[in-house]
Amino acid sequence: MTPGPYTFILPATRELPKRLQSTKRRTIGMRVPDHPLVRAVLDELGEPIMSSTLTLPGEDLPLTDPVEIEERIGHEIDAIIDAGPTGIEPTSVIDLTTGVAKVLRVGRGDVSALL
């Protein structure tokens, strides 16, 4: 399944900063991406990074085009890395907090083995 288009929900430990946790459930979502640029950045850093899908307030779809991102919010951010098109279909989300995998959202990742 990994690397790939999956987000795994895991229990948060005490070592995890509170701002990264779901405040209601003490959990965190984790991905192991298969995009070559992201993997190269992760390999170079040697540690995880925090990221988020860029969906602006009042919008239904995320921004994925670097030119549009630059035009709309470029003045508010430090850098944009153009990693090519990634599409807008979300990852499949799998909850692993109870010891039994539970599919919370079916997305790009094949979850048929879990259903």
PDB file of N, CA and C in Angstrom:
ATOM      1  N   MET A   1       0.806  -1.194   0.000  1.00  0.00           N
ATOM      2  CA  MET A   1       0.000   0.000   0.000  1.00  0.00           C
ATOM      3  C   MET A   1       0.851   1.260   0.000  1.00  0.00           C
ATOM      4  N   THR A   2       2.010   1.185   0.621  1.00  0.00           N
ATOM      5  CA  THR A   2       2.835   2.381   0.640  1.00  0.00           C
ATOM      6  C   THR A   2       4.152   2.092  -0.070  1.00  0.00           C
ATOM      7  N   PRO A   3       4.746   3.105  -0.645  1.00  0.00           N
ATOM      8  CA  PRO A   3       4.191   4.444  -0.761  1.00  0.00           C
ATOM      9  C   PRO A   3       2.996   4.454  -1.713  1.00  0.00           C
ATOM     10  N   GLY A   4       2.127   5.429  -1.522  1.00  0.00           N
ATOM     11  CA  GLY A   4       0.969   5.521  -2.384  1.00  0.00           C
ATOM     12  C   GLY A   4      -0.062   6.519  -1.902  1.00  0.00           C
ATOM     13  N   PRO A   5      -1.222   6.544  -2.554  1.00  0.00           N
ATOM     14  CA  PRO A   5      -2.253   7.540  -2.271  1.00  0.00           C
ATOM     15  C   PRO A   5      -3.156   7.167  -1.097  1.00  0.00           C
ATOM     16  N   TYR A   6      -2.536   6.983   0.048  1.00  0.00           N
ATOM     17  CA  TYR A   6      -3.271   6.601   1.255  1.00  0.00           C
ATOM     18  C   TYR A   6      -2.905   7.538   2.393  1.00  0.00           C
ATOM     19  N   THR A   7      -3.876   7.851   3.234  1.00  0.00           N
ATOM     20  CA  THR A   7      -3.644   8.567   4.479  1.00  0.00           C
ATOM     21  C   THR A   7      -4.056   7.624   5.595  1.00  0.00           C
ATOM     22  N   PHE A   8      -3.139   7.388   6.531  1.00  0.00           N
ATOM     23  CA  PHE A   8      -3.407   6.490   7.647  1.00  0.00           C
ATOM     24  C   PHE A   8      -3.637   7.313   8.909  1.00  0.00           C
ATOM     25  N   ILE A   9      -4.727   7.044   9.604  1.00  0.00           N
ATOM     26  CA  ILE A   9      -5.013   7.703  10.869  1.00  0.00           C
ATOM     27  C   ILE A   9      -4.430   6.829  11.975  1.00  0.00           C
ATOM     28  N   LEU A  10      -3.550   7.427  12.776  1.00  0.00           N
ATOM     29  CA  LEU A  10      -2.835   6.706  13.827  1.00  0.00           C
ATOM     30  C   LEU A  10      -3.023   7.415  15.168  1.00  0.00           C
ATOM     31  N   PRO A  11      -2.878   6.686  16.276  1.00  0.00           N
ATOM     32  CA  PRO A  11      -2.943   7.344  17.584  1.00  0.00           C
ATOM     33  C   PRO A  11      -1.775   8.317  17.744  1.00  0.00           C
ATOM     34  N   ALA A  12      -2.036   9.456  18.333  1.00  0.00           N
ATOM     35  CA  ALA A  12      -0.979  10.425  18.605  1.00  0.00           C
ATOM     36  C   ALA A  12      -0.269  10.032  19.906  1.00  0.00           C
ATOM     37  N   THR A  13       1.036  10.151  19.907  1.00  0.00           N
ATOM     38  CA  THR A  13       1.796   9.896  21.124  1.00  0.00           C
ATOM     39  C   THR A  13       2.096  11.220  21.819  1.00  0.00           C
ATOM     40  N   ARG A  14       2.627  11.160  23.014  1.00  0.00           N
ATOM     41  CA  ARG A  14       2.971  12.375  23.756  1.00  0.00           C
ATOM     42  C   ARG A  14       4.079  13.174  23.078  1.00  0.00           C
ATOM     43  N   GLU A  15       4.900  12.503  22.267  1.00  0.00           N
ATOM     44  CA  GLU A  15       5.991  13.193  21.577  1.00  0.00           C
ATOM     45  C   GLU A  15       5.496  14.090  20.455  1.00  0.00           C
ATOM     46  N   LEU A  16       4.294  13.856  19.976  1.00  0.00           N
ATOM     47  CA  LEU A  16       3.750  14.615  18.851  1.00  0.00           C
ATOM     48  C   LEU A  16       3.243  15.972  19.328  1.00  0.00           C
ATOM     49  N   PRO A  17       3.714  17.057  18.731  1.00  0.00           N
ATOM     50  CA  PRO A  17       3.201  18.374  19.137  1.00  0.00           C
ATOM     51  C   PRO A  17       1.681  18.435  19.011  1.00  0.00           C
ATOM     52  N   LYS A  18       1.044  19.068  19.977  1.00  0.00           N
ATOM     53  CA  LYS A  18      -0.418  19.138  20.013  1.00  0.00           C
ATOM     54  C   LYS A  18      -0.997  19.790  18.768  1.00  0.00           C
ATOM     55  N   ARG A  19      -0.295  20.751  18.176  1.00  0.00           N
ATOM     56  CA  ARG A  19      -0.830  21.438  16.996  1.00  0.00           C
ATOM     57  C   ARG A  19      -0.935  20.523  15.774  1.00  0.00           C
ATOM     58  N   LEU A  20      -0.271  19.377  15.818  1.00  0.00           N
ATOM     59  CA  LEU A  20      -0.357  18.425  14.720  1.00  0.00           C
ATOM     60  C   LEU A  20      -1.435  17.372  14.932  1.00  0.00           C
ATOM     61  N   GLN A  21      -2.007  17.315  16.126  1.00  0.00           N
ATOM     62  CA  GLN A  21      -2.996  16.294  16.466  1.00  0.00           C
ATOM     63  C   GLN A  21      -4.411  16.758  16.164  1.00  0.00           C
ATOM     64  N   SER A  22      -5.278  15.798  15.889  1.00  0.00           N
ATOM     65  CA  SER A  22      -6.707  16.079  15.888  1.00  0.00           C
ATOM     66  C   SER A  22      -7.081  16.375  17.334  1.00  0.00           C
ATOM     67  N   THR A  23      -7.657  17.529  17.591  1.00  0.00           N
ATOM     68  CA  THR A  23      -7.944  17.923  18.968  1.00  0.00           C
ATOM     69  C   THR A  23      -9.021  17.066  19.602  1.00  0.00           C
ATOM     70  N   LYS A  24      -9.911  16.503  18.820  1.00  0.00           N
ATOM     71  CA  LYS A  24     -11.011  15.715  19.372  1.00  0.00           C
ATOM     72  C   LYS A  24     -10.613  14.271  19.631  1.00  0.00           C
ATOM     73  N   ARG A  25      -9.697  13.718  18.841  1.00  0.00           N
ATOM     74  CA  ARG A  25      -9.438  12.285  18.927  1.00  0.00           C
ATOM     75  C   ARG A  25      -8.008  11.907  19.309  1.00  0.00           C
ATOM     76  N   ARG A  26      -7.112  12.863  19.472  1.00  0.00           N
ATOM     77  CA  ARG A  26      -5.696  12.578  19.728  1.00  0.00           C
ATOM     78  C   ARG A  26      -5.132  11.608  18.694  1.00  0.00           C
ATOM     79  N   THR A  27      -5.336  11.966  17.433  1.00  0.00           N
ATOM     80  CA  THR A  27      -4.838  11.168  16.319  1.00  0.00           C
ATOM     81  C   THR A  27      -4.068  12.072  15.362  1.00  0.00           C
ATOM     82  N   ILE A  28      -3.392  11.431  14.425  1.00  0.00           N
ATOM     83  CA  ILE A  28      -2.704  12.154  13.362  1.00  0.00           C
ATOM     84  C   ILE A  28      -2.861  11.369  12.069  1.00  0.00           C
ATOM     85  N   GLY A  29      -2.942  12.084  10.966  1.00  0.00           N
ATOM     86  CA  GLY A  29      -2.962  11.455   9.652  1.00  0.00           C
ATOM     87  C   GLY A  29      -1.551  11.418   9.093  1.00  0.00           C
ATOM     88  N   MET A  30      -1.162  10.278   8.526  1.00  0.00           N
ATOM     89  CA  MET A  30       0.181  10.114   7.985  1.00  0.00           C
ATOM     90  C   MET A  30       0.115   9.574   6.566  1.00  0.00           C
ATOM     91  N   ARG A  31       0.966  10.132   5.696  1.00  0.00           N
ATOM     92  CA  ARG A  31       1.080   9.629   4.331  1.00  0.00           C
ATOM     93  C   ARG A  31       2.519   9.260   4.034  1.00  0.00           C
ATOM     94  N   VAL A  32       2.688   8.283   3.169  1.00  0.00           N
ATOM     95  CA  VAL A  32       3.985   7.948   2.607  1.00  0.00           C
ATOM     96  C   VAL A  32       3.805   8.097   1.097  1.00  0.00           C
ATOM     97  N   PRO A  33       4.098   9.296   0.567  1.00  0.00           N
ATOM     98  CA  PRO A  33       3.777   9.595  -0.829  1.00  0.00           C
ATOM     99  C   PRO A  33       4.662   8.856  -1.819  1.00  0.00           C
ATOM    100  N   ASP A  34       4.117   8.684  -3.019  1.00  0.00           N
ATOM    101  CA  ASP A  34       4.906   8.049  -4.072  1.00  0.00           C
ATOM    102  C   ASP A  34       5.333   9.040  -5.149  1.00  0.00           C
ATOM    103  N   HIS A  35       5.134  10.337  -4.927  1.00  0.00           N
ATOM    104  CA  HIS A  35       5.553  11.354  -5.892  1.00  0.00           C
ATOM    105  C   HIS A  35       7.075  11.510  -5.813  1.00  0.00           C
ATOM    106  N   PRO A  36       7.772  11.452  -6.945  1.00  0.00           N
ATOM    107  CA  PRO A  36       9.241  11.473  -6.913  1.00  0.00           C
ATOM    108  C   PRO A  36       9.838  12.734  -6.272  1.00  0.00           C
ATOM    109  N   LEU A  37       9.253  13.888  -6.499  1.00  0.00           N
ATOM    110  CA  LEU A  37       9.807  15.104  -5.910  1.00  0.00           C
ATOM    111  C   LEU A  37       9.632  15.104  -4.395  1.00  0.00           C
ATOM    112  N   VAL A  38       8.468  14.732  -3.934  1.00  0.00           N
ATOM    113  CA  VAL A  38       8.222  14.696  -2.489  1.00  0.00           C
ATOM    114  C   VAL A  38       9.137  13.674  -1.832  1.00  0.00           C
ATOM    115  N   ARG A  39       9.296  12.528  -2.447  1.00  0.00           N
ATOM    116  CA  ARG A  39      10.189  11.506  -1.882  1.00  0.00           C
ATOM    117  C   ARG A  39      11.629  11.994  -1.831  1.00  0.00           C
ATOM    118  N   ALA A  40      12.055  12.749  -2.860  1.00  0.00           N
ATOM    119  CA  ALA A  40      13.415  13.297  -2.867  1.00  0.00           C
ATOM    120  C   ALA A  40      13.604  14.299  -1.728  1.00  0.00           C
ATOM    121  N   VAL A  41      12.607  15.157  -1.501  1.00  0.00           N
ATOM    122  CA  VAL A  41      12.680  16.120  -0.393  1.00  0.00           C
ATOM    123  C   VAL A  41      12.751  15.371   0.936  1.00  0.00           C
ATOM    124  N   LEU A  42      11.892  14.357   1.106  1.00  0.00           N
ATOM    125  CA  LEU A  42      11.894  13.581   2.348  1.00  0.00           C
ATOM    126  C   LEU A  42      13.228  12.868   2.553  1.00  0.00           C
ATOM    127  N   ASP A  43      13.775  12.303   1.482  1.00  0.00           N
ATOM    128  CA  ASP A  43      15.075  11.627   1.587  1.00  0.00           C
ATOM    129  C   ASP A  43      16.170  12.611   1.997  1.00  0.00           C
ATOM    130  N   GLU A  44      16.140  13.805   1.407  1.00  0.00           N
ATOM    131  CA  GLU A  44      17.154  14.812   1.719  1.00  0.00           C
ATOM    132  C   GLU A  44      17.039  15.296   3.166  1.00  0.00           C
ATOM    133  N   LEU A  45      15.810  15.532   3.626  1.00  0.00           N
ATOM    134  CA  LEU A  45      15.603  16.015   4.990  1.00  0.00           C
ATOM    135  C   LEU A  45      15.854  14.930   6.030  1.00  0.00           C
ATOM    136  N   GLY A  46      15.518  13.694   5.677  1.00  0.00           N
ATOM    137  CA  GLY A  46      15.686  12.591   6.616  1.00  0.00           C
ATOM    138  C   GLY A  46      14.667  12.595   7.746  1.00  0.00           C
ATOM    139  N   GLU A  47      13.596  13.317   7.588  1.00  0.00           N
ATOM    140  CA  GLU A  47      12.529  13.367   8.587  1.00  0.00           C
ATOM    141  C   GLU A  47      11.227  13.745   7.909  1.00  0.00           C
ATOM    142  N   PRO A  48      10.101  13.518   8.589  1.00  0.00           N
ATOM    143  CA  PRO A  48       8.805  13.834   7.982  1.00  0.00           C
ATOM    144  C   PRO A  48       8.596  15.341   7.845  1.00  0.00           C
ATOM    145  N   ILE A  49       7.676  15.708   6.978  1.00  0.00           N
ATOM    146  CA  ILE A  49       7.267  17.100   6.843  1.00  0.00           C
ATOM    147  C   ILE A  49       5.760  17.191   7.054  1.00  0.00           C
ATOM    148  N   MET A  50       5.315  18.346   7.466  1.00  0.00           N
ATOM    149  CA  MET A  50       3.887  18.588   7.608  1.00  0.00           C
ATOM    150  C   MET A  50       3.406  19.262   6.334  1.00  0.00           C
ATOM    151  N   SER A  51       2.305  18.780   5.802  1.00  0.00           N
ATOM    152  CA  SER A  51       1.751  19.393   4.596  1.00  0.00           C
ATOM    153  C   SER A  51       0.231  19.347   4.663  1.00  0.00           C
ATOM    154  N   SER A  52      -0.364  20.078   3.747  1.00  0.00           N
ATOM    155  CA  SER A  52      -1.814  20.148   3.715  1.00  0.00           C
ATOM    156  C   SER A  52      -2.269  20.347   2.287  1.00  0.00           C
ATOM    157  N   THR A  53      -3.466  19.894   1.972  1.00  0.00           N
ATOM    158  CA  THR A  53      -4.075  20.187   0.692  1.00  0.00           C
ATOM    159  C   THR A  53      -4.508  21.647   0.706  1.00  0.00           C
ATOM    160  N   LEU A  54      -4.242  22.356  -0.380  1.00  0.00           N
ATOM    161  CA  LEU A  54      -4.547  23.777  -0.449  1.00  0.00           C
ATOM    162  C   LEU A  54      -5.954  24.005  -0.999  1.00  0.00           C
ATOM    163  N   THR A  55      -6.916  24.041  -0.093  1.00  0.00           N
ATOM    164  CA  THR A  55      -8.287  24.385  -0.455  1.00  0.00           C
ATOM    165  C   THR A  55      -8.610  25.686   0.268  1.00  0.00           C
ATOM    166  N   LEU A  56      -8.845  26.731  -0.509  1.00  0.00           N
ATOM    167  CA  LEU A  56      -9.093  28.042   0.082  1.00  0.00           C
ATOM    168  C   LEU A  56     -10.503  28.131   0.651  1.00  0.00           C
ATOM    169  N   PRO A  57     -10.702  28.985   1.656  1.00  0.00           N
ATOM    170  CA  PRO A  57     -12.034  29.161   2.241  1.00  0.00           C
ATOM    171  C   PRO A  57     -13.075  29.497   1.168  1.00  0.00           C
ATOM    172  N   GLY A  58     -14.211  28.811   1.255  1.00  0.00           N
ATOM    173  CA  GLY A  58     -15.294  29.039   0.303  1.00  0.00           C
ATOM    174  C   GLY A  58     -15.146  28.292  -1.007  1.00  0.00           C
ATOM    175  N   GLU A  59     -14.058  27.547  -1.176  1.00  0.00           N
ATOM    176  CA  GLU A  59     -13.805  26.797  -2.406  1.00  0.00           C
ATOM    177  C   GLU A  59     -14.113  25.320  -2.167  1.00  0.00           C
ATOM    178  N   ASP A  60     -14.573  24.647  -3.218  1.00  0.00           N
ATOM    179  CA  ASP A  60     -14.857  23.218  -3.119  1.00  0.00           C
ATOM    180  C   ASP A  60     -13.679  22.353  -3.556  1.00  0.00           C
ATOM    181  N   LEU A  61     -12.866  22.868  -4.466  1.00  0.00           N
ATOM    182  CA  LEU A  61     -11.759  22.090  -5.017  1.00  0.00           C
ATOM    183  C   LEU A  61     -10.421  22.684  -4.588  1.00  0.00           C
ATOM    184  N   PRO A  62      -9.424  21.825  -4.407  1.00  0.00           N
ATOM    185  CA  PRO A  62      -8.101  22.329  -4.031  1.00  0.00           C
ATOM    186  C   PRO A  62      -7.415  23.022  -5.206  1.00  0.00           C
ATOM    187  N   LEU A  63      -6.503  23.925  -4.885  1.00  0.00           N
ATOM    188  CA  LEU A  63      -5.652  24.536  -5.904  1.00  0.00           C
ATOM    189  C   LEU A  63      -4.481  23.595  -6.154  1.00  0.00           C
ATOM    190  N   THR A  64      -4.241  23.265  -7.417  1.00  0.00           N
ATOM    191  CA  THR A  64      -3.132  22.367  -7.742  1.00  0.00           C
ATOM    192  C   THR A  64      -2.212  22.939  -8.817  1.00  0.00           C
ATOM    193  N   ASP A  65      -2.624  24.012  -9.475  1.00  0.00           N
ATOM    194  CA  ASP A  65      -1.829  24.627 -10.542  1.00  0.00           C
ATOM    195  C   ASP A  65      -0.920  25.698  -9.933  1.00  0.00           C
ATOM    196  N   PRO A  66       0.415  25.523 -10.035  1.00  0.00           N
ATOM    197  CA  PRO A  66       1.327  26.479  -9.408  1.00  0.00           C
ATOM    198  C   PRO A  66       1.162  27.908  -9.916  1.00  0.00           C
ATOM    199  N   VAL A  67       0.802  28.077 -11.181  1.00  0.00           N
ATOM    200  CA  VAL A  67       0.595  29.426 -11.720  1.00  0.00           C
ATOM    201  C   VAL A  67      -0.603  30.081 -11.033  1.00  0.00           C
ATOM    202  N   GLU A  68      -1.690  29.340 -10.881  1.00  0.00           N
ATOM    203  CA  GLU A  68      -2.868  29.875 -10.204  1.00  0.00           C
ATOM    204  C   GLU A  68      -2.576  30.145  -8.721  1.00  0.00           C
ATOM    205  N   ILE A  69      -1.821  29.257  -8.094  1.00  0.00           N
ATOM    206  CA  ILE A  69      -1.451  29.470  -6.687  1.00  0.00           C
ATOM    207  C   ILE A  69      -0.661  30.765  -6.557  1.00  0.00           C
ATOM    208  N   GLU A  70       0.304  30.967  -7.444  1.00  0.00           N
ATOM    209  CA  GLU A  70       1.108  32.195  -7.428  1.00  0.00           C
ATOM    210  C   GLU A  70       0.219  33.426  -7.609  1.00  0.00           C
ATOM    211  N   GLU A  71      -0.703  33.367  -8.567  1.00  0.00           N
ATOM    212  CA  GLU A  71      -1.583  34.508  -8.835  1.00  0.00           C
ATOM    213  C   GLU A  71      -2.489  34.830  -7.646  1.00  0.00           C
ATOM    214  N   ARG A  72      -3.005  33.777  -6.996  1.00  0.00           N
ATOM    215  CA  ARG A  72      -4.003  33.994  -5.950  1.00  0.00           C
ATOM    216  C   ARG A  72      -3.419  34.250  -4.564  1.00  0.00           C
ATOM    217  N   ILE A  73      -2.354  33.531  -4.204  1.00  0.00           N
ATOM    218  CA  ILE A  73      -1.824  33.695  -2.841  1.00  0.00           C
ATOM    219  C   ILE A  73      -0.306  33.785  -2.784  1.00  0.00           C
ATOM    220  N   GLY A  74       0.346  33.967  -3.924  1.00  0.00           N
ATOM    221  CA  GLY A  74       1.804  34.020  -3.952  1.00  0.00           C
ATOM    222  C   GLY A  74       2.402  35.065  -3.043  1.00  0.00           C
ATOM    223  N   HIS A  75       1.692  36.175  -2.849  1.00  0.00           N
ATOM    224  CA  HIS A  75       2.181  37.247  -1.982  1.00  0.00           C
ATOM    225  C   HIS A  75       2.102  36.883  -0.496  1.00  0.00           C
ATOM    226  N   GLU A  76       1.434  35.768  -0.157  1.00  0.00           N
ATOM    227  CA  GLU A  76       1.251  35.373   1.245  1.00  0.00           C
ATOM    228  C   GLU A  76       2.129  34.187   1.660  1.00  0.00           C
ATOM    229  N   ILE A  77       2.849  33.585   0.721  1.00  0.00           N
ATOM    230  CA  ILE A  77       3.646  32.395   1.042  1.00  0.00           C
ATOM    231  C   ILE A  77       5.099  32.602   0.620  1.00  0.00           C
ATOM    232  N   ASP A  78       5.993  31.826   1.216  1.00  0.00           N
ATOM    233  CA  ASP A  78       7.419  31.988   0.964  1.00  0.00           C
ATOM    234  C   ASP A  78       7.891  31.339  -0.329  1.00  0.00           C
ATOM    235  N   ALA A  79       7.307  30.204  -0.687  1.00  0.00           N
ATOM    236  CA  ALA A  79       7.804  29.479  -1.854  1.00  0.00           C
ATOM    237  C   ALA A  79       6.723  28.570  -2.428  1.00  0.00           C
ATOM    238  N   ILE A  80       6.842  28.315  -3.718  1.00  0.00           N
ATOM    239  CA  ILE A  80       5.990  27.346  -4.411  1.00  0.00           C
ATOM    240  C   ILE A  80       6.924  26.413  -5.154  1.00  0.00           C
ATOM    241  N   ILE A  81       6.755  25.120  -4.947  1.00  0.00           N
ATOM    242  CA  ILE A  81       7.546  24.133  -5.674  1.00  0.00           C
ATOM    243  C   ILE A  81       6.632  23.496  -6.711  1.00  0.00           C
ATOM    244  N   ASP A  82       6.979  23.663  -7.981  1.00  0.00           N
ATOM    245  CA  ASP A  82       6.170  23.096  -9.059  1.00  0.00           C
ATOM    246  C   ASP A  82       6.577  21.638  -9.257  1.00  0.00           C
ATOM    247  N   ALA A  83       5.740  20.731  -8.769  1.00  0.00           N
ATOM    248  CA  ALA A  83       6.018  19.299  -8.871  1.00  0.00           C
ATOM    249  C   ALA A  83       5.197  18.654  -9.982  1.00  0.00           C
ATOM    250  N   GLY A  84       4.617  19.464 -10.833  1.00  0.00           N
ATOM    251  CA  GLY A  84       3.789  18.930 -11.912  1.00  0.00           C
ATOM    252  C   GLY A  84       2.383  18.648 -11.421  1.00  0.00           C
ATOM    253  N   PRO A  85       1.514  18.282 -12.348  1.00  0.00           N
ATOM    254  CA  PRO A  85       0.114  18.049 -11.971  1.00  0.00           C
ATOM    255  C   PRO A  85      -0.040  16.847 -11.044  1.00  0.00           C
ATOM    256  N   THR A  86      -0.891  16.997 -10.055  1.00  0.00           N
ATOM    257  CA  THR A  86      -1.133  15.903  -9.115  1.00  0.00           C
ATOM    258  C   THR A  86      -2.588  15.469  -9.109  1.00  0.00           C
ATOM    259  N   GLY A  87      -3.455  16.215  -9.742  1.00  0.00           N
ATOM    260  CA  GLY A  87      -4.869  15.873  -9.758  1.00  0.00           C
ATOM    261  C   GLY A  87      -5.558  16.326  -8.489  1.00  0.00           C
ATOM    262  N   ILE A  88      -6.870  16.159  -8.456  1.00  0.00           N
ATOM    263  CA  ILE A  88      -7.628  16.636  -7.300  1.00  0.00           C
ATOM    264  C   ILE A  88      -8.343  15.521  -6.546  1.00  0.00           C
ATOM    265  N   GLU A  89      -8.245  14.285  -7.043  1.00  0.00           N
ATOM    266  CA  GLU A  89      -8.890  13.192  -6.312  1.00  0.00           C
ATOM    267  C   GLU A  89      -8.139  12.945  -5.009  1.00  0.00           C
ATOM    268  N   PRO A  90      -8.839  12.917  -3.881  1.00  0.00           N
ATOM    269  CA  PRO A  90      -8.166  12.769  -2.591  1.00  0.00           C
ATOM    270  C   PRO A  90      -7.627  11.353  -2.375  1.00  0.00           C
ATOM    271  N   THR A  91      -6.800  11.220  -1.360  1.00  0.00           N
ATOM    272  CA  THR A  91      -6.283   9.912  -0.977  1.00  0.00           C
ATOM    273  C   THR A  91      -7.379   9.087  -0.318  1.00  0.00           C
ATOM    274  N   SER A  92      -7.166   7.801  -0.273  1.00  0.00           N
ATOM    275  CA  SER A  92      -8.029   6.938   0.536  1.00  0.00           C
ATOM    276  C   SER A  92      -7.567   7.077   1.975  1.00  0.00           C
ATOM    277  N   VAL A  93      -8.517   7.146   2.914  1.00  0.00           N
ATOM    278  CA  VAL A  93      -8.186   7.332   4.324  1.00  0.00           C
ATOM    279  C   VAL A  93      -8.532   6.062   5.087  1.00  0.00           C
ATOM    280  N   ILE A  94      -7.541   5.550   5.826  1.00  0.00           N
ATOM    281  CA  ILE A  94      -7.699   4.299   6.566  1.00  0.00           C
ATOM    282  C   ILE A  94      -7.385   4.554   8.032  1.00  0.00           C
ATOM    283  N   ASP A  95      -8.343   4.265   8.898  1.00  0.00           N
ATOM    284  CA  ASP A  95      -8.190   4.447  10.340  1.00  0.00           C
ATOM    285  C   ASP A  95      -7.555   3.188  10.930  1.00  0.00           C
ATOM    286  N   LEU A  96      -6.391   3.359  11.553  1.00  0.00           N
ATOM    287  CA  LEU A  96      -5.677   2.235  12.176  1.00  0.00           C
ATOM    288  C   LEU A  96      -5.616   2.387  13.693  1.00  0.00           C
ATOM    289  N   THR A  97      -6.498   3.181  14.275  1.00  0.00           N
ATOM    290  CA  THR A  97      -6.417   3.468  15.708  1.00  0.00           C
ATOM    291  C   THR A  97      -6.975   2.373  16.593  1.00  0.00           C
ATOM    292  N   THR A  98      -7.755   1.451  16.041  1.00  0.00           N
ATOM    293  CA  THR A  98      -8.395   0.436  16.884  1.00  0.00           C
ATOM    294  C   THR A  98      -7.786  -0.946  16.741  1.00  0.00           C
ATOM    295  N   GLY A  99      -6.776  -1.093  15.890  1.00  0.00           N
ATOM    296  CA  GLY A  99      -6.200  -2.407  15.654  1.00  0.00           C
ATOM    297  C   GLY A  99      -6.840  -3.124  14.478  1.00  0.00           C
ATOM    298  N   VAL A 100      -7.971  -2.609  14.003  1.00  0.00           N
ATOM    299  CA  VAL A 100      -8.646  -3.151  12.816  1.00  0.00           C
ATOM    300  C   VAL A 100      -8.752  -2.026  11.801  1.00  0.00           C
ATOM    301  N   ALA A 101      -8.231  -2.242  10.599  1.00  0.00           N
ATOM    302  CA  ALA A 101      -8.270  -1.203   9.572  1.00  0.00           C
ATOM    303  C   ALA A 101      -9.714  -0.900   9.175  1.00  0.00           C
ATOM    304  N   LYS A 102     -10.055   0.391   9.192  1.00  0.00           N
ATOM    305  CA  LYS A 102     -11.396   0.829   8.818  1.00  0.00           C
ATOM    306  C   LYS A 102     -11.261   1.917   7.762  1.00  0.00           C
ATOM    307  N   VAL A 103     -11.870   1.696   6.604  1.00  0.00           N
ATOM    308  CA  VAL A 103     -11.809   2.668   5.519  1.00  0.00           C
ATOM    309  C   VAL A 103     -12.771   3.810   5.833  1.00  0.00           C
ATOM    310  N   LEU A 104     -12.220   5.014   5.976  1.00  0.00           N
ATOM    311  CA  LEU A 104     -13.038   6.191   6.246  1.00  0.00           C
ATOM    312  C   LEU A 104     -13.412   6.937   4.969  1.00  0.00           C
ATOM    313  N   ARG A 105     -12.537   6.853   3.948  1.00  0.00           N
ATOM    314  CA  ARG A 105     -12.820   7.514   2.671  1.00  0.00           C
ATOM    315  C   ARG A 105     -12.161   6.720   1.555  1.00  0.00           C
ATOM    316  N   VAL A 106     -12.908   6.424   0.523  1.00  0.00           N
ATOM    317  CA  VAL A 106     -12.352   5.781  -0.666  1.00  0.00           C
ATOM    318  C   VAL A 106     -11.914   6.890  -1.615  1.00  0.00           C
ATOM    319  N   GLY A 107     -10.651   6.871  -1.968  1.00  0.00           N
ATOM    320  CA  GLY A 107     -10.084   7.863  -2.874  1.00  0.00           C
ATOM    321  C   GLY A 107      -9.245   7.169  -3.930  1.00  0.00           C
ATOM    322  N   ARG A 108      -8.091   7.761  -4.246  1.00  0.00           N
ATOM    323  CA  ARG A 108      -7.231   7.215  -5.310  1.00  0.00           C
ATOM    324  C   ARG A 108      -6.675   5.835  -4.972  1.00  0.00           C
ATOM    325  N   GLY A 109      -6.427   5.550  -3.717  1.00  0.00           N
ATOM    326  CA  GLY A 109      -5.817   4.274  -3.343  1.00  0.00           C
ATOM    327  C   GLY A 109      -6.825   3.144  -3.338  1.00  0.00           C
ATOM    328  N   ASP A 110      -6.434   2.010  -3.901  1.00  0.00           N
ATOM    329  CA  ASP A 110      -7.305   0.822  -3.929  1.00  0.00           C
ATOM    330  C   ASP A 110      -7.460   0.255  -2.517  1.00  0.00           C
ATOM    331  N   VAL A 111      -8.688   0.195  -2.041  1.00  0.00           N
ATOM    332  CA  VAL A 111      -8.957  -0.315  -0.695  1.00  0.00           C
ATOM    333  C   VAL A 111      -9.746  -1.627  -0.732  1.00  0.00           C
ATOM    334  N   SER A 112      -9.847  -2.241  -1.882  1.00  0.00           N
ATOM    335  CA  SER A 112     -10.674  -3.442  -2.016  1.00  0.00           C
ATOM    336  C   SER A 112     -10.245  -4.560  -1.068  1.00  0.00           C
ATOM    337  N   ALA A 113      -8.955  -4.655  -0.761  1.00  0.00           N
ATOM    338  CA  ALA A 113      -8.493  -5.705   0.155  1.00  0.00           C
ATOM    339  C   ALA A 113      -8.932  -5.451   1.584  1.00  0.00           C
ATOM    340  N   LEU A 114      -9.370  -4.232   1.898  1.00  0.00           N
ATOM    341  CA  LEU A 114      -9.771  -3.877   3.251  1.00  0.00           C
ATOM    342  C   LEU A 114     -11.273  -3.905   3.457  1.00  0.00           C
ATOM    343  N   LEU A 115     -12.014  -3.997   2.380  1.00  0.00           N
ATOM    344  CA  LEU A 115     -13.501  -3.964   2.489  1.00  0.00           C
ATOM    345  C   LEU A 115     -14.073  -5.347   2.668  1.00  0.00           C
TER     346      LEU A 115
END
